Amino acid sequence: MNRIAIKMLTGDRAKYFGILVGLTFSSLLITMQISVFAGIMSRTFGFITDIGLPQIWVMDPKVQFIDDVKPMQDTELYRVRSVGGVAWAEPLYKGILKVRLQNGNFQSCNVLGLDDTTLIGGPSRMIEGNLSSLRRADAVIVDEVGAKGKLAHTMTVNGQNVSIPLKIGDSIEINDHRAIVVGICKVSRTFQSQPVIYTTYSRATTFAPRERKLLSFILATPKPGENLNEVCQRITRVTGLLAVSSYGFKYRTLMYFLTSTGLPINFGIAVFFSFMVGTIISGMTFYNFTMENMRYFGTLKAMGAKNRLLLRMIAIEALLVGLISYCMGVGGAAFVGFIFRNTEMAFLLLPHTLIVIAVVVTSICILTSSLCIYQVMKLEPAIVFKT
């Protein structure tokens, strides 16, 4: 009977492919929307992920997310270092500064100032050069995407504009201060897709406009054997600042964008309509397919087949279509993400997404087959004798 059900399903190729197209298109759209949303959300805290060594982030209590910088006085660094259980604490500057390129254009960049001695918080993946080169005069390290993209300059060669990536030895101006590129690094893309520039803390505060407070964050780590959460609470209690773990800061940043922006609603609406499109298209096609094959179901019923057997046949047909559509939809979305992996497109296919899509496709199959099951349940075997 299983073989008969499959032959009935694939007998009318047009309707069979119509059901596949509806479910595949739905699973493809939902997978793309969820993966793009996950990719965008991961970019909101990508900078925290890149700085993997410090376990504690100390900041002003009113900071809501990673880019919501509220500068502190430099003396706060020594207060944090004096808290019991803190192994070390180093300063970090983070700000958006205007960079003047060689062609005279200006570009806003994320400028990060690392501790002059330890260089803690620097990029872990260097493409060219090395992190210690930041100790040279006027030295900066630029991320690879920014060097090839927004920080690149154009030259006219044989009447055509050619983009020349920023390379080691090139110079740029940061807030009217000369800076020499000594390295190219690879970092996570930012939410605003702005280039990232690393330099030392003292040099970053020189680049930045003069303010009374310039310390953005304090990076710290507890002593061996100390409980991470207890040290964070101790820093908060003693200094009055906000101290959270790296994971806690990621969660804080993520929740800000989930609750304070319209991204979840916009993507949720797109996912909902993708679900409705798949349900309506595949449902109508599968229902018409069942109604056209009702005489065959009636014949089987007249031959003694029970309702349970017929329902199993419909379930096999629905699950087979759902499985094929699921594989094609998820595979197509993964292929698109792979093709555009080195572009501005934010795409992150998580294992949880695969489970969600499987549940969605299964739900669509259940909804579309329920009408068919109802028709088969009330089917009279005498239908085969009607002319």
Protein backbone atom coordinates (compact mmCIF):
# COMPACT_ATOMS: atom_id res chain seq x y z
CA MET A 1 0.00 0.00 0.00
CA ASN A 2 2.88 2.36 0.63
CA ARG A 3 4.07 1.85 -2.93
CA ILE A 4 0.56 2.50 -4.26
CA ALA A 5 0.39 5.74 -2.23
CA ILE A 6 3.67 6.94 -3.70
CA LYS A 7 2.56 6.04 -7.25
CA MET A 8 -0.68 7.95 -6.70
CA LEU A 9 1.33 10.94 -5.48
CA THR A 10 3.78 11.00 -8.38
CA GLY A 11 1.28 9.92 -11.05
CA ASP A 12 0.22 13.48 -11.88
CA ARG A 13 3.62 15.16 -12.26
CA ALA A 14 2.19 18.67 -12.55
CA LYS A 15 0.34 18.52 -9.22
CA TYR A 16 3.21 16.65 -7.59
CA PHE A 17 5.71 19.34 -8.54
CA GLY A 18 3.17 22.01 -7.57
CA ILE A 19 3.06 20.67 -4.01
CA LEU A 20 6.86 20.45 -3.90
CA VAL A 21 7.29 23.99 -5.18
CA GLY A 22 4.89 25.42 -2.61
CA LEU A 23 6.52 23.70 0.37
CA THR A 24 10.08 24.22 -0.92
CA PHE A 25 9.48 27.91 -1.52
CA SER A 26 8.00 28.27 1.95
CA SER A 27 10.84 26.45 3.73
CA LEU A 28 13.42 28.36 1.66
CA LEU A 29 11.93 31.74 2.57
CA ILE A 30 11.55 30.90 6.25
CA THR A 31 15.10 29.53 6.46
CA MET A 32 16.49 32.61 4.72
CA GLN A 33 14.58 35.03 6.95
CA ILE A 34 15.53 33.28 10.20
CA SER A 35 19.17 32.87 9.13
CA VAL A 36 19.50 36.50 8.04
CA PHE A 37 17.92 37.61 11.31
CA ALA A 38 20.33 35.41 13.28
CA GLY A 39 23.22 36.80 11.24
CA ILE A 40 22.22 40.39 11.95
CA MET A 41 21.79 39.67 15.66
CA SER A 42 25.21 37.99 15.84
CA ARG A 43 26.79 41.12 14.38
CA THR A 44 25.43 43.22 17.23
CA PHE A 45 27.81 41.51 19.69
CA GLY A 46 30.49 40.36 17.23
CA PHE A 47 33.04 42.73 18.75
CA ILE A 48 32.59 41.10 22.18
CA THR A 49 33.16 37.69 20.60
CA ASP A 50 36.37 38.86 18.93
CA ILE A 51 37.79 39.98 22.29
CA GLY A 52 37.83 36.55 23.86
CA LEU A 53 40.49 36.88 26.56
CA PRO A 54 38.83 39.19 29.13
CA GLN A 55 36.05 37.50 31.07
CA ILE A 56 34.65 40.68 32.66
CA TRP A 57 33.49 43.93 31.07
CA VAL A 58 33.24 46.96 33.36
CA MET A 59 31.31 50.00 32.16
CA ASP A 60 29.06 52.87 33.13
CA PRO A 61 25.81 51.53 34.69
CA LYS A 62 23.70 53.23 32.02
CA VAL A 63 25.32 51.38 29.09
CA GLN A 64 22.68 49.32 27.28
CA PHE A 65 24.68 47.64 24.50
CA ILE A 66 28.19 47.48 23.08
CA ASP A 67 27.91 50.62 20.93
CA ASP A 68 26.22 52.64 23.67
CA VAL A 69 29.52 53.98 24.98
CA LYS A 70 29.37 56.25 28.03
CA PRO A 71 32.94 57.31 28.86
CA MET A 72 34.37 57.03 32.35
CA GLN A 73 37.25 58.73 34.13
CA ASP A 74 40.64 57.04 33.84
CA THR A 75 40.82 56.74 37.63
CA GLU A 76 38.08 54.09 37.51
CA LEU A 77 40.68 51.70 36.10
CA TYR A 78 42.69 51.78 39.33
CA ARG A 79 39.55 51.29 41.42
CA VAL A 80 38.71 48.13 39.51
CA ARG A 81 42.27 46.84 39.87
CA SER A 82 42.03 47.27 43.63
CA VAL A 83 38.94 45.06 43.98
CA GLY A 84 39.64 41.70 45.58
CA GLY A 85 39.60 38.75 43.21
CA VAL A 86 40.59 40.75 40.11
CA ALA A 87 43.70 39.30 38.45
CA TRP A 88 44.18 42.19 36.03
CA ALA A 89 42.24 45.06 34.48
CA GLU A 90 43.15 47.02 31.34
CA PRO A 91 41.58 50.02 29.57
CA LEU A 92 39.77 49.96 26.25
CA TYR A 93 38.77 52.91 24.09
CA LYS A 94 35.92 52.48 21.59
CA GLY A 95 34.62 55.30 19.48
CA ILE A 96 33.47 56.26 15.99
CA LEU A 97 35.90 58.69 14.36
CA LYS A 98 36.13 60.28 10.92
CA VAL A 99 38.93 58.93 8.76
CA ARG A 100 40.22 60.87 5.77
CA LEU A 101 41.41 58.68 2.92
CA GLN A 102 44.14 59.34 0.38
CA ASN A 103 41.59 60.51 -2.20
CA GLY A 104 40.18 63.10 0.23
CA ASN A 105 36.97 61.22 1.07
CA PHE A 106 35.83 60.74 4.68
CA GLN A 107 34.65 57.50 6.26
CA SER A 108 33.32 56.82 9.76
CA CYS A 109 35.24 54.00 11.44
CA ASN A 110 35.17 52.10 14.71
CA VAL A 111 38.45 53.01 16.39
CA LEU A 112 39.60 50.75 19.22
CA GLY A 113 42.37 51.72 21.62
CA LEU A 114 44.18 48.82 23.35
CA ASP A 115 46.35 48.94 26.45
CA ASP A 116 49.79 50.18 25.34
CA THR A 117 51.70 47.50 27.27
CA THR A 118 49.66 44.32 26.94
CA LEU A 119 47.59 45.09 23.80
CA ILE A 120 44.76 43.07 25.37
CA GLY A 121 41.64 43.15 23.24
CA GLY A 122 43.50 43.08 19.94
CA PRO A 123 42.44 41.02 16.91
CA SER A 124 43.16 37.31 17.18
CA ARG A 125 43.36 36.72 13.42
CA MET A 126 46.03 38.69 11.61
CA ILE A 127 46.10 38.48 7.80
CA GLU A 128 49.25 40.60 7.38
CA GLY A 129 51.65 42.04 9.93
CA ASN A 130 51.49 41.33 13.66
CA LEU A 131 49.82 42.86 16.70
CA SER A 132 53.06 44.02 18.32
CA SER A 133 53.60 46.42 15.41
CA LEU A 134 51.03 48.70 17.06
CA ARG A 135 53.83 49.90 19.33
CA ARG A 136 55.38 51.73 16.41
CA ALA A 137 54.80 55.44 15.97
CA ASP A 138 51.39 56.34 14.48
CA ALA A 139 50.61 52.65 13.90
CA VAL A 140 47.13 51.26 13.24
CA ILE A 141 45.72 47.88 12.18
CA VAL A 142 42.74 47.79 9.81
CA ASP A 143 40.24 44.98 9.29
CA GLU A 144 40.38 43.14 5.97
CA VAL A 145 36.84 43.95 4.81
CA GLY A 146 37.28 47.65 5.51
CA ALA A 147 40.70 47.73 3.80
CA LYS A 148 39.25 46.21 0.64
CA GLY A 149 35.97 48.09 0.79
CA LYS A 150 35.16 51.44 2.33
CA LEU A 151 38.78 52.40 3.08
CA ALA A 152 40.04 51.51 -0.39
CA HIS A 153 40.83 54.34 -2.80
CA THR A 154 40.17 54.46 -6.53
CA MET A 155 42.60 55.17 -9.34
CA THR A 156 41.95 55.74 -13.02
CA VAL A 157 43.78 53.17 -15.13
CA ASN A 158 43.25 53.20 -18.90
CA GLY A 159 40.09 55.23 -18.45
CA GLN A 160 38.61 52.85 -15.88
CA ASN A 161 38.26 53.34 -12.13
CA VAL A 162 40.18 50.65 -10.24
CA SER A 163 39.73 50.07 -6.50
CA ILE A 164 43.05 49.88 -4.65
CA PRO A 165 42.77 48.18 -1.23
CA LEU A 166 44.44 49.75 1.77
CA LYS A 167 47.72 47.94 2.47
CA ILE A 168 50.59 47.95 4.93
CA GLY A 169 52.59 51.16 4.65
CA ASP A 170 49.67 53.31 3.49
CA SER A 171 48.76 56.36 5.51
CA ILE A 172 45.38 57.78 6.52
CA GLU A 173 44.23 60.68 8.66
CA ILE A 174 42.16 60.11 11.79
CA ASN A 175 40.75 63.37 13.10
CA ASP A 176 43.65 65.31 11.48
CA HIS A 177 46.25 62.93 12.92
CA ARG A 178 48.52 60.86 10.69
CA ALA A 179 48.19 57.08 10.99
CA ILE A 180 50.28 54.37 9.29
CA VAL A 181 48.80 50.95 8.49
CA VAL A 182 51.04 48.24 9.98
CA GLY A 183 48.70 45.26 9.74
CA ILE A 184 45.54 43.80 8.25
CA CYS A 185 43.28 41.67 10.49
CA LYS A 186 40.09 39.64 10.20
CA VAL A 187 37.23 40.50 12.56
CA SER A 188 33.52 39.91 12.80
CA ARG A 189 31.42 42.31 10.75
CA THR A 190 29.81 45.09 12.73
CA PHE A 191 26.09 45.88 12.87
CA GLN A 192 26.63 49.12 10.93
CA SER A 193 29.24 47.46 8.66
CA GLN A 194 31.78 50.16 9.47
CA PRO A 195 35.53 49.54 9.10
CA VAL A 196 37.40 48.64 12.29
CA ILE A 197 40.72 50.24 13.21
CA TYR A 198 42.94 49.11 16.10
CA THR A 199 45.59 51.25 17.78
CA THR A 200 46.98 51.79 21.27
CA TYR A 201 44.93 53.41 24.03
CA SER A 202 47.17 56.49 24.34
CA ARG A 203 47.12 57.02 20.58
CA ALA A 204 43.35 56.52 20.36
CA THR A 205 42.75 59.16 23.01
CA THR A 206 44.98 61.47 20.97
CA PHE A 207 42.95 60.78 17.84
CA ALA A 208 39.65 61.33 19.64
CA PRO A 209 38.22 64.81 20.26
CA ARG A 210 39.33 66.14 23.63
CA GLU A 211 36.88 65.28 26.39
CA ARG A 212 37.08 65.05 30.13
CA LYS A 213 36.25 61.32 30.02
CA LEU A 214 37.63 58.97 27.36
CA LEU A 215 37.74 55.53 29.00
CA SER A 216 35.05 53.43 27.25
CA PHE A 217 35.38 50.04 28.94
CA ILE A 218 37.59 48.20 31.40
CA LEU A 219 38.54 44.64 30.50
CA ALA A 220 39.27 42.37 33.47
CA THR A 221 39.68 38.75 34.48
CA PRO A 222 39.20 37.15 37.92
CA LYS A 223 42.00 35.38 39.76
CA PRO A 224 42.21 31.59 39.41
CA GLY A 225 39.71 29.92 41.71
CA GLU A 226 37.48 32.99 41.99
CA ASN A 227 33.83 32.74 40.97
CA LEU A 228 33.18 34.92 37.92
CA ASN A 229 29.74 36.14 38.96
CA GLU A 230 30.87 36.88 42.50
CA VAL A 231 33.78 38.99 41.25
CA CYS A 232 31.40 40.91 38.94
CA GLN A 233 29.07 41.60 41.86
CA ARG A 234 32.01 42.68 44.02
CA ILE A 235 33.25 45.14 41.37
CA THR A 236 29.75 46.58 41.01
CA ARG A 237 29.34 46.92 44.77
CA VAL A 238 32.76 48.52 45.43
CA THR A 239 33.05 50.84 42.40
CA GLY A 240 29.41 51.60 41.56
CA LEU A 241 30.11 50.60 37.94
CA LEU A 242 28.42 47.84 35.99
CA ALA A 243 30.49 44.65 35.75
CA VAL A 244 29.19 41.76 33.65
CA SER A 245 30.68 38.65 32.12
CA SER A 246 31.37 38.47 28.39
CA TYR A 247 28.34 36.23 27.97
CA GLY A 248 26.24 38.61 30.05
CA PHE A 249 27.30 41.57 27.91
CA LYS A 250 26.43 39.65 24.74
CA TYR A 251 23.01 38.85 26.19
CA ARG A 252 22.51 42.46 27.28
CA THR A 253 23.36 43.70 23.77
CA LEU A 254 21.18 41.09 22.10
CA MET A 255 18.17 41.84 24.30
CA TYR A 256 18.48 45.56 23.59
CA PHE A 257 18.13 44.99 19.84
CA LEU A 258 15.35 42.46 20.34
CA THR A 259 13.27 44.69 22.60
CA SER A 260 14.15 48.20 21.44
CA THR A 261 14.19 47.84 17.65
CA GLY A 262 11.68 46.72 15.05
CA LEU A 263 13.83 43.90 13.69
CA PRO A 264 11.97 41.00 15.38
CA ILE A 265 8.57 42.31 14.23
CA ASN A 266 9.72 42.87 10.64
CA PHE A 267 11.32 39.47 10.30
CA GLY A 268 8.45 37.81 12.17
CA ILE A 269 5.93 39.20 9.67
CA ALA A 270 8.04 37.91 6.78
CA VAL A 271 8.24 34.44 8.36
CA PHE A 272 4.48 34.41 9.00
CA PHE A 273 3.61 35.25 5.40
CA SER A 274 6.12 32.68 4.14
CA PHE A 275 4.31 30.11 6.29
CA MET A 276 0.94 31.20 4.93
CA VAL A 277 2.14 31.07 1.31
CA GLY A 278 3.43 27.53 1.76
CA THR A 279 0.28 26.41 3.54
CA ILE A 280 -2.13 27.89 0.97
CA ILE A 281 -0.28 26.79 -2.18
CA SER A 282 0.58 23.27 -1.05
CA GLY A 283 -2.76 22.88 0.74
CA MET A 284 -4.86 23.73 -2.30
CA THR A 285 -2.75 21.57 -4.57
CA PHE A 286 -2.73 18.60 -2.18
CA TYR A 287 -6.49 18.91 -1.61
CA ASN A 288 -7.20 18.92 -5.36
CA PHE A 289 -4.87 15.96 -5.74
CA THR A 290 -6.79 14.02 -3.10
CA MET A 291 -10.20 14.89 -4.55
CA GLU A 292 -9.13 13.74 -8.01
CA ASN A 293 -7.94 10.43 -6.56
CA MET A 294 -11.04 9.98 -4.41
CA ARG A 295 -12.33 7.22 -6.72
CA TYR A 296 -9.19 5.20 -6.09
CA PHE A 297 -9.57 5.61 -2.35
CA GLY A 298 -13.19 4.53 -2.78
CA THR A 299 -12.09 1.44 -4.71
CA LEU A 300 -9.68 0.48 -1.96
CA LYS A 301 -12.41 1.05 0.62
CA ALA A 302 -14.81 -1.11 -1.37
CA MET A 303 -12.17 -3.84 -1.45
CA GLY A 304 -12.07 -3.84 2.36
CA ALA A 305 -9.41 -1.27 3.17
CA LYS A 306 -9.96 0.35 6.55
CA ASN A 307 -9.90 4.07 7.19
CA ARG A 308 -6.69 3.64 9.14
CA LEU A 309 -4.94 2.23 6.08
CA LEU A 310 -6.14 5.04 3.84
CA LEU A 311 -5.12 7.65 6.38
CA ARG A 312 -1.67 6.07 6.55
CA MET A 313 -1.40 6.38 2.77
CA ILE A 314 -2.24 10.09 2.95
CA ALA A 315 0.20 10.58 5.82
CA ILE A 316 2.98 8.87 3.82
CA GLU A 317 2.29 11.10 0.84
CA ALA A 318 2.31 14.26 2.98
CA LEU A 319 5.46 13.31 4.88
CA LEU A 320 7.30 12.34 1.70
CA VAL A 321 6.51 15.68 0.10
CA GLY A 322 7.44 17.47 3.33
CA LEU A 323 10.78 15.67 3.62
CA ILE A 324 11.79 16.40 0.03
CA SER A 325 10.67 20.03 0.30
CA TYR A 326 12.49 20.45 3.63
CA CYS A 327 15.77 19.18 2.19
CA MET A 328 15.45 21.29 -0.96
CA GLY A 329 14.45 24.46 0.93
CA VAL A 330 17.12 24.24 3.63
CA GLY A 331 19.74 23.13 1.11
CA GLY A 332 18.89 26.03 -1.19
CA ALA A 333 19.12 28.54 1.67
CA ALA A 334 22.46 27.08 2.80
CA PHE A 335 23.76 27.33 -0.77
CA VAL A 336 22.73 30.98 -1.02
CA GLY A 337 24.43 31.70 2.31
CA PHE A 338 27.60 29.97 1.11
CA ILE A 339 27.68 31.92 -2.15
CA PHE A 340 27.32 35.28 -0.36
CA ARG A 341 29.46 34.41 2.69
CA ASN A 342 32.07 37.08 1.89
CA THR A 343 29.61 39.89 1.19
CA GLU A 344 27.67 42.32 3.35
CA MET A 345 24.85 39.78 3.59
CA ALA A 346 24.32 38.63 7.19
CA PHE A 347 23.59 34.89 7.15
CA LEU A 348 23.91 32.48 10.07
CA LEU A 349 22.30 29.05 9.76
CA LEU A 350 22.05 27.65 13.29
CA PRO A 351 21.21 24.04 14.26
CA HIS A 352 18.14 25.41 16.05
CA THR A 353 16.95 26.84 12.73
CA LEU A 354 16.94 23.38 11.17
CA ILE A 355 14.70 22.12 13.98
CA VAL A 356 12.35 25.11 13.64
CA ILE A 357 12.04 24.62 9.87
CA ALA A 358 11.36 20.91 10.35
CA VAL A 359 8.55 21.76 12.79
CA VAL A 360 7.15 24.39 10.40
CA VAL A 361 7.17 22.06 7.39
CA THR A 362 5.61 19.28 9.46
CA SER A 363 2.90 21.70 10.62
CA ILE A 364 2.16 22.69 7.02
CA CYS A 365 1.92 19.02 6.03
CA ILE A 366 -0.48 18.34 8.91
CA LEU A 367 -2.65 21.33 8.03
CA THR A 368 -2.77 20.50 4.32
CA SER A 369 -3.47 16.80 4.85
CA SER A 370 -6.14 17.33 7.51
CA LEU A 371 -8.74 18.39 4.94
CA CYS A 372 -7.88 15.39 2.81
CA ILE A 373 -8.18 13.06 5.81
CA TYR A 374 -11.63 14.44 6.56
CA GLN A 375 -12.81 13.80 3.01
CA VAL A 376 -11.47 10.25 3.05
CA MET A 377 -13.06 9.51 6.44
CA LYS A 378 -16.56 10.36 5.18
CA LEU A 379 -16.02 8.69 1.79
CA GLU A 380 -18.61 6.11 0.78
CA PRO A 381 -17.32 3.04 -1.13
CA ALA A 382 -20.33 3.29 -3.47
CA ILE A 383 -18.67 6.20 -5.23
CA VAL A 384 -16.83 3.73 -7.47
CA PHE A 385 -20.15 2.64 -9.00
CA LYS A 386 -21.20 6.17 -9.96
CA THR A 387 -20.83 7.09 -13.61
